[in-house]
Amino acid sequence: MPPREAIDGKDTTKLDRAMDDVAQAIQDHSGAPTFRSINAVVRGGQELIREAITALEADGYLRIENGPNKSKLHHLLKPYPDTDTPSLQIAV
């Protein structure tokens, strides 16, 4: 996966770390967690966690569906980071 461009000038490593943490929290949860469940175990502000969820969904790693009482349920579709994707290597 190519490096992410900064979103609104924010540190991409912080976003990448949040994406890793969110994906791990969803994977470790029994069933599909809500945002509150994810927010309870992932370090960082709610805005950063929401950005990570949005990025994971946009990249095809995450599906969000409506749950009970207007909640949103988060389903991990494939592991993040995707270890099956070959990395680009530049010959020097």
PDB file of N, CA and C in Angstrom:
ATOM      1  N   MET A   1       0.837  -1.166   0.000  1.00  0.00           N
ATOM      2  CA  MET A   1       0.000   0.000   0.000  1.00  0.00           C
ATOM      3  C   MET A   1       0.885   1.233   0.000  1.00  0.00           C
ATOM      4  N   PRO A   2       0.653   2.170  -0.909  1.00  0.00           N
ATOM      5  CA  PRO A   2       1.502   3.356  -0.956  1.00  0.00           C
ATOM      6  C   PRO A   2       1.297   4.216   0.285  1.00  0.00           C
ATOM      7  N   PRO A   3       2.299   5.021   0.619  1.00  0.00           N
ATOM      8  CA  PRO A   3       2.152   5.872   1.796  1.00  0.00           C
ATOM      9  C   PRO A   3       0.990   6.834   1.624  1.00  0.00           C
ATOM     10  N   ARG A   4       0.310   7.105   2.716  1.00  0.00           N
ATOM     11  CA  ARG A   4      -0.810   8.035   2.692  1.00  0.00           C
ATOM     12  C   ARG A   4      -0.320   9.462   2.646  1.00  0.00           C
ATOM     13  N   GLU A   5      -1.034  10.262   1.907  1.00  0.00           N
ATOM     14  CA  GLU A   5      -0.748  11.688   1.936  1.00  0.00           C
ATOM     15  C   GLU A   5      -1.350  12.243   3.214  1.00  0.00           C
ATOM     16  N   ALA A   6      -0.765  13.317   3.691  1.00  0.00           N
ATOM     17  CA  ALA A   6      -1.278  13.928   4.918  1.00  0.00           C
ATOM     18  C   ALA A   6      -2.705  14.395   4.690  1.00  0.00           C
ATOM     19  N   ILE A   7      -3.564  14.121   5.649  1.00  0.00           N
ATOM     20  CA  ILE A   7      -4.949  14.554   5.581  1.00  0.00           C
ATOM     21  C   ILE A   7      -5.050  15.838   6.382  1.00  0.00           C
ATOM     22  N   ASP A   8      -5.349  16.930   5.710  1.00  0.00           N
ATOM     23  CA  ASP A   8      -5.434  18.236   6.356  1.00  0.00           C
ATOM     24  C   ASP A   8      -4.171  18.549   7.150  1.00  0.00           C
ATOM     25  N   GLY A   9      -3.013  18.138   6.643  1.00  0.00           N
ATOM     26  CA  GLY A   9      -1.742  18.459   7.277  1.00  0.00           C
ATOM     27  C   GLY A   9      -1.444  17.649   8.532  1.00  0.00           C
ATOM     28  N   LYS A  10      -2.192  16.612   8.814  1.00  0.00           N
ATOM     29  CA  LYS A  10      -1.963  15.825  10.029  1.00  0.00           C
ATOM     30  C   LYS A  10      -0.870  14.800   9.785  1.00  0.00           C
ATOM     31  N   ASP A  11      -0.250  14.389  10.856  1.00  0.00           N
ATOM     32  CA  ASP A  11       0.840  13.420  10.807  1.00  0.00           C
ATOM     33  C   ASP A  11       0.300  12.069  10.344  1.00  0.00           C
ATOM     34  N   THR A  12       0.785  11.585   9.195  1.00  0.00           N
ATOM     35  CA  THR A  12       0.274  10.327   8.655  1.00  0.00           C
ATOM     36  C   THR A  12       0.684   9.136   9.504  1.00  0.00           C
ATOM     37  N   THR A  13       1.813   9.210  10.187  1.00  0.00           N
ATOM     38  CA  THR A  13       2.196   8.075  11.022  1.00  0.00           C
ATOM     39  C   THR A  13       1.216   7.917  12.180  1.00  0.00           C
ATOM     40  N   LYS A  14       0.704   9.020  12.685  1.00  0.00           N
ATOM     41  CA  LYS A  14      -0.289   8.953  13.760  1.00  0.00           C
ATOM     42  C   LYS A  14      -1.570   8.310  13.243  1.00  0.00           C
ATOM     43  N   LEU A  15      -1.979   8.680  12.024  1.00  0.00           N
ATOM     44  CA  LEU A  15      -3.173   8.090  11.421  1.00  0.00           C
ATOM     45  C   LEU A  15      -2.950   6.610  11.133  1.00  0.00           C
ATOM     46  N   ASP A  16      -1.796   6.261  10.599  1.00  0.00           N
ATOM     47  CA  ASP A  16      -1.496   4.852  10.325  1.00  0.00           C
ATOM     48  C   ASP A  16      -1.506   4.026  11.607  1.00  0.00           C
ATOM     49  N   ARG A  17      -0.951   4.576  12.670  1.00  0.00           N
ATOM     50  CA  ARG A  17      -0.946   3.878  13.951  1.00  0.00           C
ATOM     51  C   ARG A  17      -2.376   3.698  14.461  1.00  0.00           C
ATOM     52  N   ALA A  18      -3.191   4.739  14.308  1.00  0.00           N
ATOM     53  CA  ALA A  18      -4.591   4.648  14.740  1.00  0.00           C
ATOM     54  C   ALA A  18      -5.339   3.609  13.911  1.00  0.00           C
ATOM     55  N   MET A  19      -5.049   3.545  12.612  1.00  0.00           N
ATOM     56  CA  MET A  19      -5.683   2.539  11.754  1.00  0.00           C
ATOM     57  C   MET A  19      -5.306   1.132  12.217  1.00  0.00           C
ATOM     58  N   ASP A  20      -4.033   0.930  12.551  1.00  0.00           N
ATOM     59  CA  ASP A  20      -3.590  -0.368  13.087  1.00  0.00           C
ATOM     60  C   ASP A  20      -4.341  -0.709  14.369  1.00  0.00           C
ATOM     61  N   ASP A  21      -4.433   0.270  15.259  1.00  0.00           N
ATOM     62  CA  ASP A  21      -5.082   0.044  16.554  1.00  0.00           C
ATOM     63  C   ASP A  21      -6.579  -0.230  16.401  1.00  0.00           C
ATOM     64  N   VAL A  22      -7.233   0.517  15.520  1.00  0.00           N
ATOM     65  CA  VAL A  22      -8.667   0.311  15.291  1.00  0.00           C
ATOM     66  C   VAL A  22      -8.912  -1.072  14.700  1.00  0.00           C
ATOM     67  N   ALA A  23      -8.128  -1.449  13.696  1.00  0.00           N
ATOM     68  CA  ALA A  23      -8.289  -2.768  13.076  1.00  0.00           C
ATOM     69  C   ALA A  23      -8.066  -3.881  14.099  1.00  0.00           C
ATOM     70  N   GLN A  24      -7.065  -3.711  14.965  1.00  0.00           N
ATOM     71  CA  GLN A  24      -6.789  -4.719  15.993  1.00  0.00           C
ATOM     72  C   GLN A  24      -7.934  -4.786  17.000  1.00  0.00           C
ATOM     73  N   ALA A  25      -8.487  -3.638  17.379  1.00  0.00           N
ATOM     74  CA  ALA A  25      -9.603  -3.617  18.335  1.00  0.00           C
ATOM     75  C   ALA A  25     -10.825  -4.327  17.761  1.00  0.00           C
ATOM     76  N   ILE A  26     -11.088  -4.110  16.470  1.00  0.00           N
ATOM     77  CA  ILE A  26     -12.234  -4.764  15.829  1.00  0.00           C
ATOM     78  C   ILE A  26     -11.994  -6.270  15.744  1.00  0.00           C
ATOM     79  N   GLN A  27     -10.779  -6.645  15.394  1.00  0.00           N
ATOM     80  CA  GLN A  27     -10.441  -8.064  15.275  1.00  0.00           C
ATOM     81  C   GLN A  27     -10.537  -8.769  16.635  1.00  0.00           C
ATOM     82  N   ASP A  28     -10.118  -8.105  17.695  1.00  0.00           N
ATOM     83  CA  ASP A  28     -10.109  -8.714  19.022  1.00  0.00           C
ATOM     84  C   ASP A  28     -11.486  -8.757  19.676  1.00  0.00           C
ATOM     85  N   HIS A  29     -12.414  -7.963  19.186  1.00  0.00           N
ATOM     86  CA  HIS A  29     -13.744  -7.880  19.788  1.00  0.00           C
ATOM     87  C   HIS A  29     -14.582  -9.077  19.355  1.00  0.00           C
ATOM     88  N   SER A  30     -15.354  -9.624  20.287  1.00  0.00           N
ATOM     89  CA  SER A  30     -16.255 -10.719  19.908  1.00  0.00           C
ATOM     90  C   SER A  30     -17.498 -10.088  19.287  1.00  0.00           C
ATOM     91  N   GLY A  31     -17.717 -10.347  18.033  1.00  0.00           N
ATOM     92  CA  GLY A  31     -18.819  -9.706  17.317  1.00  0.00           C
ATOM     93  C   GLY A  31     -18.359  -8.408  16.686  1.00  0.00           C
ATOM     94  N   ALA A  32     -19.323  -7.632  16.221  1.00  0.00           N
ATOM     95  CA  ALA A  32     -19.022  -6.359  15.565  1.00  0.00           C
ATOM     96  C   ALA A  32     -19.142  -5.235  16.588  1.00  0.00           C
ATOM     97  N   PRO A  33     -18.031  -4.541  16.887  1.00  0.00           N
ATOM     98  CA  PRO A  33     -18.077  -3.493  17.901  1.00  0.00           C
ATOM     99  C   PRO A  33     -18.702  -2.193  17.395  1.00  0.00           C
ATOM    100  N   THR A  34     -19.218  -1.429  18.331  1.00  0.00           N
ATOM    101  CA  THR A  34     -19.707  -0.087  18.037  1.00  0.00           C
ATOM    102  C   THR A  34     -18.535   0.883  18.169  1.00  0.00           C
ATOM    103  N   PHE A  35     -18.772   2.144  17.781  1.00  0.00           N
ATOM    104  CA  PHE A  35     -17.723   3.149  17.935  1.00  0.00           C
ATOM    105  C   PHE A  35     -17.331   3.283  19.403  1.00  0.00           C
ATOM    106  N   ARG A  36     -18.293   3.266  20.288  1.00  0.00           N
ATOM    107  CA  ARG A  36     -17.989   3.391  21.726  1.00  0.00           C
ATOM    108  C   ARG A  36     -17.062   2.276  22.195  1.00  0.00           C
ATOM    109  N   SER A  37     -17.302   1.061  21.728  1.00  0.00           N
ATOM    110  CA  SER A  37     -16.449  -0.072  22.108  1.00  0.00           C
ATOM    111  C   SER A  37     -15.033   0.116  21.582  1.00  0.00           C
ATOM    112  N   ILE A  38     -14.925   0.593  20.356  1.00  0.00           N
ATOM    113  CA  ILE A  38     -13.603   0.838  19.760  1.00  0.00           C
ATOM    114  C   ILE A  38     -12.909   1.970  20.507  1.00  0.00           C
ATOM    115  N   ASN A  39     -13.635   3.056  20.748  1.00  0.00           N
ATOM    116  CA  ASN A  39     -13.080   4.228  21.416  1.00  0.00           C
ATOM    117  C   ASN A  39     -12.591   3.899  22.827  1.00  0.00           C
ATOM    118  N   ALA A  40     -13.219   2.932  23.469  1.00  0.00           N
ATOM    119  CA  ALA A  40     -12.840   2.556  24.835  1.00  0.00           C
ATOM    120  C   ALA A  40     -11.475   1.878  24.903  1.00  0.00           C
ATOM    121  N   VAL A  41     -11.038   1.259  23.812  1.00  0.00           N
ATOM    122  CA  VAL A  41      -9.782   0.500  23.858  1.00  0.00           C
ATOM    123  C   VAL A  41      -8.662   1.095  23.001  1.00  0.00           C
ATOM    124  N   VAL A  42      -8.988   2.044  22.131  1.00  0.00           N
ATOM    125  CA  VAL A  42      -7.972   2.630  21.247  1.00  0.00           C
ATOM    126  C   VAL A  42      -7.537   3.976  21.812  1.00  0.00           C
ATOM    127  N   ARG A  43      -6.241   4.166  21.913  1.00  0.00           N
ATOM    128  CA  ARG A  43      -5.705   5.441  22.380  1.00  0.00           C
ATOM    129  C   ARG A  43      -5.838   6.485  21.288  1.00  0.00           C
ATOM    130  N   GLY A  44      -6.062   7.721  21.716  1.00  0.00           N
ATOM    131  CA  GLY A  44      -6.184   8.826  20.774  1.00  0.00           C
ATOM    132  C   GLY A  44      -7.536   9.488  20.918  1.00  0.00           C
ATOM    133  N   GLY A  45      -7.647  10.647  20.356  1.00  0.00           N
ATOM    134  CA  GLY A  45      -8.900  11.375  20.423  1.00  0.00           C
ATOM    135  C   GLY A  45      -9.953  10.779  19.509  1.00  0.00           C
ATOM    136  N   GLN A  46     -11.201  11.122  19.780  1.00  0.00           N
ATOM    137  CA  GLN A  46     -12.303  10.603  18.968  1.00  0.00           C
ATOM    138  C   GLN A  46     -12.171  11.011  17.502  1.00  0.00           C
ATOM    139  N   GLU A  47     -11.685  12.211  17.250  1.00  0.00           N
ATOM    140  CA  GLU A  47     -11.538  12.672  15.864  1.00  0.00           C
ATOM    141  C   GLU A  47     -10.542  11.799  15.099  1.00  0.00           C
ATOM    142  N   LEU A  48      -9.414  11.479  15.726  1.00  0.00           N
ATOM    143  CA  LEU A  48      -8.409  10.628  15.086  1.00  0.00           C
ATOM    144  C   LEU A  48      -8.960   9.221  14.850  1.00  0.00           C
ATOM    145  N   ILE A  49      -9.688   8.691  15.817  1.00  0.00           N
ATOM    146  CA  ILE A  49     -10.262   7.357  15.674  1.00  0.00           C
ATOM    147  C   ILE A  49     -11.296   7.348  14.554  1.00  0.00           C
ATOM    148  N   ARG A  50     -12.101   8.389  14.465  1.00  0.00           N
ATOM    149  CA  ARG A  50     -13.085   8.480  13.371  1.00  0.00           C
ATOM    150  C   ARG A  50     -12.390   8.573  12.005  1.00  0.00           C
ATOM    151  N   GLU A  51     -11.280   9.327  11.942  1.00  0.00           N
ATOM    152  CA  GLU A  51     -10.512   9.411  10.691  1.00  0.00           C
ATOM    153  C   GLU A  51      -9.957   8.042  10.307  1.00  0.00           C
ATOM    154  N   ALA A  52      -9.463   7.309  11.293  1.00  0.00           N
ATOM    155  CA  ALA A  52      -8.918   5.971  11.024  1.00  0.00           C
ATOM    156  C   ALA A  52     -10.016   5.042  10.515  1.00  0.00           C
ATOM    157  N   ILE A  53     -11.199   5.103  11.121  1.00  0.00           N
ATOM    158  CA  ILE A  53     -12.322   4.275  10.679  1.00  0.00           C
ATOM    159  C   ILE A  53     -12.719   4.648   9.259  1.00  0.00           C
ATOM    160  N   THR A  54     -12.782   5.939   8.971  1.00  0.00           N
ATOM    161  CA  THR A  54     -13.139   6.404   7.624  1.00  0.00           C
ATOM    162  C   THR A  54     -12.113   5.938   6.594  1.00  0.00           C
ATOM    163  N   ALA A  55     -10.838   6.026   6.940  1.00  0.00           N
ATOM    164  CA  ALA A  55      -9.781   5.599   6.019  1.00  0.00           C
ATOM    165  C   ALA A  55      -9.833   4.089   5.787  1.00  0.00           C
ATOM    166  N   LEU A  56     -10.058   3.317   6.847  1.00  0.00           N
ATOM    167  CA  LEU A  56     -10.154   1.855   6.696  1.00  0.00           C
ATOM    168  C   LEU A  56     -11.345   1.483   5.821  1.00  0.00           C
ATOM    169  N   GLU A  57     -12.454   2.173   5.985  1.00  0.00           N
ATOM    170  CA  GLU A  57     -13.631   1.901   5.162  1.00  0.00           C
ATOM    171  C   GLU A  57     -13.368   2.276   3.704  1.00  0.00           C
ATOM    172  N   ALA A  58     -12.751   3.425   3.480  1.00  0.00           N
ATOM    173  CA  ALA A  58     -12.457   3.883   2.116  1.00  0.00           C
ATOM    174  C   ALA A  58     -11.488   2.943   1.395  1.00  0.00           C
ATOM    175  N   ASP A  59     -10.569   2.335   2.154  1.00  0.00           N
ATOM    176  CA  ASP A  59      -9.575   1.431   1.564  1.00  0.00           C
ATOM    177  C   ASP A  59     -10.075  -0.008   1.443  1.00  0.00           C
ATOM    178  N   GLY A  60     -11.324  -0.264   1.858  1.00  0.00           N
ATOM    179  CA  GLY A  60     -11.910  -1.592   1.687  1.00  0.00           C
ATOM    180  C   GLY A  60     -11.588  -2.584   2.786  1.00  0.00           C
ATOM    181  N   TYR A  61     -11.082  -2.109   3.920  1.00  0.00           N
ATOM    182  CA  TYR A  61     -10.767  -3.000   5.031  1.00  0.00           C
ATOM    183  C   TYR A  61     -11.927  -3.158   6.011  1.00  0.00           C
ATOM    184  N   LEU A  62     -12.884  -2.241   5.948  1.00  0.00           N
ATOM    185  CA  LEU A  62     -13.912  -2.159   6.965  1.00  0.00           C
ATOM    186  C   LEU A  62     -15.276  -1.929   6.337  1.00  0.00           C
ATOM    187  N   ARG A  63     -16.292  -2.566   6.917  1.00  0.00           N
ATOM    188  CA  ARG A  63     -17.686  -2.325   6.514  1.00  0.00           C
ATOM    189  C   ARG A  63     -18.429  -1.866   7.747  1.00  0.00           C
ATOM    190  N   ILE A  64     -19.240  -0.832   7.584  1.00  0.00           N
ATOM    191  CA  ILE A  64     -20.026  -0.301   8.693  1.00  0.00           C
ATOM    192  C   ILE A  64     -21.496  -0.493   8.360  1.00  0.00           C
ATOM    193  N   GLU A  65     -22.241  -1.029   9.326  1.00  0.00           N
ATOM    194  CA  GLU A  65     -23.678  -1.229   9.107  1.00  0.00           C
ATOM    195  C   GLU A  65     -24.450  -0.685  10.304  1.00  0.00           C
ATOM    196  N   ASN A  66     -25.717  -0.401  10.089  1.00  0.00           N
ATOM    197  CA  ASN A  66     -26.571   0.084  11.161  1.00  0.00           C
ATOM    198  C   ASN A  66     -26.825  -1.029  12.170  1.00  0.00           C
ATOM    199  N   GLY A  67     -26.768  -0.656  13.443  1.00  0.00           N
ATOM    200  CA  GLY A  67     -27.027  -1.593  14.525  1.00  0.00           C
ATOM    201  C   GLY A  67     -28.220  -1.140  15.342  1.00  0.00           C
ATOM    202  N   PRO A  68     -28.432  -1.777  16.470  1.00  0.00           N
ATOM    203  CA  PRO A  68     -29.563  -1.402  17.318  1.00  0.00           C
ATOM    204  C   PRO A  68     -29.378  -0.019  17.937  1.00  0.00           C
ATOM    205  N   ASN A  69     -30.487   0.671  18.177  1.00  0.00           N
ATOM    206  CA  ASN A  69     -30.478   1.986  18.835  1.00  0.00           C
ATOM    207  C   ASN A  69     -29.590   3.004  18.137  1.00  0.00           C
ATOM    208  N   LYS A  70     -29.643   3.030  16.822  1.00  0.00           N
ATOM    209  CA  LYS A  70     -28.892   3.983  15.988  1.00  0.00           C
ATOM    210  C   LYS A  70     -27.369   3.824  16.096  1.00  0.00           C
ATOM    211  N   SER A  71     -26.910   2.683  16.576  1.00  0.00           N
ATOM    212  CA  SER A  71     -25.466   2.439  16.643  1.00  0.00           C
ATOM    213  C   SER A  71     -24.961   2.013  15.267  1.00  0.00           C
ATOM    214  N   LYS A  72     -23.665   2.051  15.097  1.00  0.00           N
ATOM    215  CA  LYS A  72     -23.001   1.587  13.882  1.00  0.00           C
ATOM    216  C   LYS A  72     -22.100   0.425  14.264  1.00  0.00           C
ATOM    217  N   LEU A  73     -22.232  -0.684  13.550  1.00  0.00           N
ATOM    218  CA  LEU A  73     -21.430  -1.869  13.805  1.00  0.00           C
ATOM    219  C   LEU A  73     -20.298  -1.947  12.784  1.00  0.00           C
ATOM    220  N   HIS A  74     -19.110  -2.261  13.244  1.00  0.00           N
ATOM    221  CA  HIS A  74     -17.908  -2.257  12.408  1.00  0.00           C
ATOM    222  C   HIS A  74     -17.423  -3.687  12.176  1.00  0.00           C
ATOM    223  N   HIS A  75     -17.291  -4.056  10.905  1.00  0.00           N
ATOM    224  CA  HIS A  75     -16.848  -5.394  10.514  1.00  0.00           C
ATOM    225  C   HIS A  75     -15.540  -5.278   9.743  1.00  0.00           C
ATOM    226  N   LEU A  76     -14.518  -5.976  10.188  1.00  0.00           N
ATOM    227  CA  LEU A  76     -13.247  -6.007   9.476  1.00  0.00           C
ATOM    228  C   LEU A  76     -13.376  -7.008   8.328  1.00  0.00           C
ATOM    229  N   LEU A  77     -13.140  -6.565   7.097  1.00  0.00           N
ATOM    230  CA  LEU A  77     -13.302  -7.416   5.929  1.00  0.00           C
ATOM    231  C   LEU A  77     -12.042  -8.202   5.585  1.00  0.00           C
ATOM    232  N   LYS A  78     -10.890  -7.610   5.887  1.00  0.00           N
ATOM    233  CA  LYS A  78      -9.613  -8.273   5.639  1.00  0.00           C
ATOM    234  C   LYS A  78      -8.594  -7.686   6.613  1.00  0.00           C
ATOM    235  N   PRO A  79      -7.516  -8.409   6.870  1.00  0.00           N
ATOM    236  CA  PRO A  79      -6.524  -7.928   7.835  1.00  0.00           C
ATOM    237  C   PRO A  79      -5.905  -6.594   7.408  1.00  0.00           C
ATOM    238  N   TYR A  80      -5.634  -5.758   8.366  1.00  0.00           N
ATOM    239  CA  TYR A  80      -4.909  -4.507   8.122  1.00  0.00           C
ATOM    240  C   TYR A  80      -3.722  -4.479   9.056  1.00  0.00           C
ATOM    241  N   PRO A  81      -2.545  -4.183   8.549  1.00  0.00           N
ATOM    242  CA  PRO A  81      -2.237  -3.986   7.137  1.00  0.00           C
ATOM    243  C   PRO A  81      -2.288  -5.299   6.375  1.00  0.00           C
ATOM    244  N   ASP A  82      -2.593  -5.197   5.108  1.00  0.00           N
ATOM    245  CA  ASP A  82      -2.742  -6.366   4.253  1.00  0.00           C
ATOM    246  C   ASP A  82      -1.364  -6.961   3.987  1.00  0.00           C
ATOM    247  N   THR A  83      -1.076  -8.091   4.607  1.00  0.00           N
ATOM    248  CA  THR A  83       0.248  -8.704   4.478  1.00  0.00           C
ATOM    249  C   THR A  83       0.410  -9.452   3.159  1.00  0.00           C
ATOM    250  N   ASP A  84      -0.702  -9.654   2.423  1.00  0.00           N
ATOM    251  CA  ASP A  84      -0.619 -10.361   1.145  1.00  0.00           C
ATOM    252  C   ASP A  84      -0.228  -9.431  -0.009  1.00  0.00           C
ATOM    253  N   THR A  85      -0.318  -8.131   0.207  1.00  0.00           N
ATOM    254  CA  THR A  85       0.020  -7.179  -0.840  1.00  0.00           C
ATOM    255  C   THR A  85       1.531  -7.025  -0.894  1.00  0.00           C
ATOM    256  N   PRO A  86       2.132  -7.308  -2.043  1.00  0.00           N
ATOM    257  CA  PRO A  86       3.586  -7.181  -2.132  1.00  0.00           C
ATOM    258  C   PRO A  86       3.989  -5.719  -2.032  1.00  0.00           C
ATOM    259  N   SER A  87       5.074  -5.466  -1.313  1.00  0.00           N
ATOM    260  CA  SER A  87       5.558  -4.095  -1.195  1.00  0.00           C
ATOM    261  C   SER A  87       6.454  -3.773  -2.382  1.00  0.00           C
ATOM    262  N   LEU A  88       6.498  -2.509  -2.718  1.00  0.00           N
ATOM    263  CA  LEU A  88       7.350  -2.065  -3.812  1.00  0.00           C
ATOM    264  C   LEU A  88       8.773  -1.932  -3.301  1.00  0.00           C
ATOM    265  N   GLN A  89       9.714  -2.456  -4.048  1.00  0.00           N
ATOM    266  CA  GLN A  89      11.100  -2.312  -3.669  1.00  0.00           C
ATOM    267  C   GLN A  89      11.820  -1.595  -4.792  1.00  0.00           C
ATOM    268  N   ILE A  90      12.579  -0.604  -4.423  1.00  0.00           N
ATOM    269  CA  ILE A  90      13.304   0.192  -5.416  1.00  0.00           C
ATOM    270  C   ILE A  90      14.764  -0.240  -5.418  1.00  0.00           C
ATOM    271  N   ALA A  91      15.241  -0.636  -6.571  1.00  0.00           N
ATOM    272  CA  ALA A  91      16.643  -1.034  -6.697  1.00  0.00           C
ATOM    273  C   ALA A  91      17.512   0.211  -6.724  1.00  0.00           C
ATOM    274  N   VAL A  92      18.584   0.175  -5.961  1.00  0.00           N
ATOM    275  CA  VAL A  92      19.460   1.341  -5.895  1.00  0.00           C
ATOM    276  C   VAL A  92      20.752   1.034  -6.593  1.00  0.00           C
TER     277      VAL A  92
END
